[in-house]
Amino acid sequence: MAPRQQVQVWSHGQAVQWHAVQITADSVTGIPYFKPITCDSCRRTIPRSAVDSIKLGNPVAGFWKTVAIVVGAPFLLLIPFCWHGCPSEL
């Protein structure tokens, strides 16, 4: 995986957000997402037998999707009102 790839590791019903993740035959290791990927002393390990699931994420794409919803939703709501010309009160 790419070093900046955000990974959500679920273990015992709790999730941790990591990057710089390495998966071996017996463990999953990574650095907490808000720590620099160069922080080797920050690296955490979970045995693979304790991992419930792993999900990959893309925080930049998530940000732009949120922006599109926040900006686009008002326009979509106004289309029916302005189809034949917007009222002067808007």
Foldseek 3Di string as FASTA:
>chain_A
DDQLWWKWWDFPRDTFIFGRWDDDPFKIKGAGNVDDSVPPVRIDIDTPVRTPDMDIDDVVVVVVVVVCCVVVVVVVVCCVCQVVHHPPVD
